[in-house]
């Protein structure tokens, strides 16, 4: 899949939905719970039809960003679920907050 900024993706194995915030120029496979995500908001027919892989059940949290800085990919979780977000089969880590500068 070649993601686009602003594209909505939904899991086919749970309730997780994300929006692409940043994406690389090339092809990447974005998945959740061991299955590839599909375009859409997850409300369509066939949404959450499968079962997540037990080894990829770390969950995605509402409002959190998940990013791979090397690839240039960043996703914003708009609907939480029990599946772990992955890119090219590798779990996508939650993006940490930047520390604020000290105010003296």
Protein backbone atom coordinates (compact mmCIF):
# COMPACT_ATOMS: atom_id res chain seq x y z
CA UNK A 1 0.00 0.00 0.00
CA UNK A 2 1.13 3.51 -0.68
CA UNK A 3 -0.31 5.65 2.15
CA UNK A 4 -1.33 9.29 1.76
CA UNK A 5 -1.38 12.03 4.38
CA UNK A 6 -4.92 12.31 5.78
CA UNK A 7 -5.88 8.78 4.71
CA UNK A 8 -8.07 6.87 7.18
CA UNK A 9 -7.16 3.23 7.79
CA UNK A 10 -9.15 0.61 9.68
CA UNK A 11 -8.21 -2.78 11.09
CA UNK A 12 -9.88 -5.88 9.72
CA UNK A 13 -9.45 -7.83 12.97
CA UNK A 14 -10.49 -5.35 15.68
CA UNK A 15 -11.89 -1.84 16.24
CA UNK A 16 -8.64 0.11 15.66
CA UNK A 17 -8.73 3.04 13.24
CA UNK A 18 -5.93 5.51 12.43
CA UNK A 19 -5.20 8.57 10.28
CA UNK A 20 -1.92 8.88 8.39
CA UNK A 21 -0.12 12.04 9.63
CA UNK A 22 3.22 11.53 7.84
CA UNK A 23 4.16 8.94 5.26
CA UNK A 24 7.13 7.83 3.16
CA UNK A 25 7.18 8.07 -0.64
CA UNK A 26 7.41 4.31 -1.13
CA UNK A 27 5.25 1.30 -0.49
CA UNK A 28 4.74 0.12 3.12
CA UNK A 29 2.46 -2.45 4.70
CA UNK A 30 0.54 -0.99 7.62
CA UNK A 31 -1.12 -3.60 9.78
CA UNK A 32 -2.92 -4.11 13.06
CA UNK A 33 -3.15 -7.33 15.05
CA UNK A 34 -1.28 -9.28 12.38
CA UNK A 35 -3.52 -8.30 9.43
CA UNK A 36 -3.19 -5.52 6.86
CA UNK A 37 -5.28 -2.40 7.46
CA UNK A 38 -7.75 -1.23 4.80
CA UNK A 39 -8.80 2.23 3.70
CA UNK A 40 -11.87 3.54 5.47
CA UNK A 41 -13.11 4.37 8.94
CA UNK A 42 -13.97 0.83 10.04
CA UNK A 43 -17.74 1.33 9.89
CA UNK A 44 -18.24 -0.42 6.57
CA UNK A 45 -19.34 -3.96 5.89
CA UNK A 46 -16.84 -6.61 6.91
CA UNK A 47 -15.11 -4.40 9.46
CA UNK A 48 -13.46 -6.34 12.30
CA UNK A 49 -14.29 -9.68 10.68
CA UNK A 50 -11.15 -11.61 11.69
CA UNK A 51 -9.34 -12.35 14.92
CA UNK A 52 -6.13 -10.59 16.00
CA UNK A 53 -2.85 -12.49 16.35
CA UNK A 54 -2.32 -13.19 20.10
CA UNK A 55 1.36 -12.21 19.73
CA UNK A 56 0.35 -8.77 18.43
CA UNK A 57 -2.19 -7.76 21.03
CA UNK A 58 -0.46 -4.84 22.74
CA UNK A 59 -3.26 -2.46 21.82
CA UNK A 60 -3.52 1.00 20.31
CA UNK A 61 -4.57 3.94 22.49
CA UNK A 62 -6.96 6.72 21.49
CA UNK A 63 -5.26 10.01 20.61
CA UNK A 64 -1.74 8.59 20.70
CA UNK A 65 0.70 8.86 17.82
CA UNK A 66 2.69 5.87 16.59
CA UNK A 67 5.78 6.59 14.51
CA UNK A 68 8.83 5.17 12.77
CA UNK A 69 11.21 8.09 12.26
CA UNK A 70 13.56 6.10 9.99
CA UNK A 71 10.73 5.37 7.56
CA UNK A 72 9.07 8.75 7.99
CA UNK A 73 5.72 7.24 9.01
CA UNK A 74 3.41 8.62 11.69
CA UNK A 75 -0.13 7.46 12.53
CA UNK A 76 -2.71 9.01 14.87
CA UNK A 77 -5.07 6.55 16.58
CA UNK A 78 -8.68 7.74 16.22
CA UNK A 79 -10.35 4.57 17.49
CA UNK A 80 -8.63 2.28 20.04
CA UNK A 81 -8.42 -1.48 19.83
CA UNK A 82 -6.55 -4.49 21.23
CA UNK A 83 -4.32 -5.05 18.17
CA UNK A 84 -0.73 -3.80 17.89
CA UNK A 85 -0.01 -1.41 15.00
CA UNK A 86 2.74 -2.66 12.67
CA UNK A 87 4.64 -1.41 9.65
CA UNK A 88 6.17 -4.02 7.32
CA UNK A 89 5.47 -6.62 10.05
CA UNK A 90 7.40 -4.77 12.78
CA UNK A 91 5.50 -3.29 15.79
CA UNK A 92 5.19 0.48 15.56
CA UNK A 93 6.27 2.24 18.79
CA UNK A 94 4.25 4.98 20.45
CA UNK A 95 5.75 8.41 19.80
CA UNK A 96 7.10 10.00 22.97
CA UNK A 97 6.30 13.58 23.92
CA UNK A 98 8.98 16.18 23.37
CA UNK A 99 10.26 17.73 26.61
CA UNK A 100 9.38 21.38 27.06
CA UNK A 101 12.18 23.89 27.54
CA UNK A 102 12.80 25.14 31.05
CA UNK A 103 11.28 28.52 31.85
CA UNK A 104 13.49 30.51 34.17
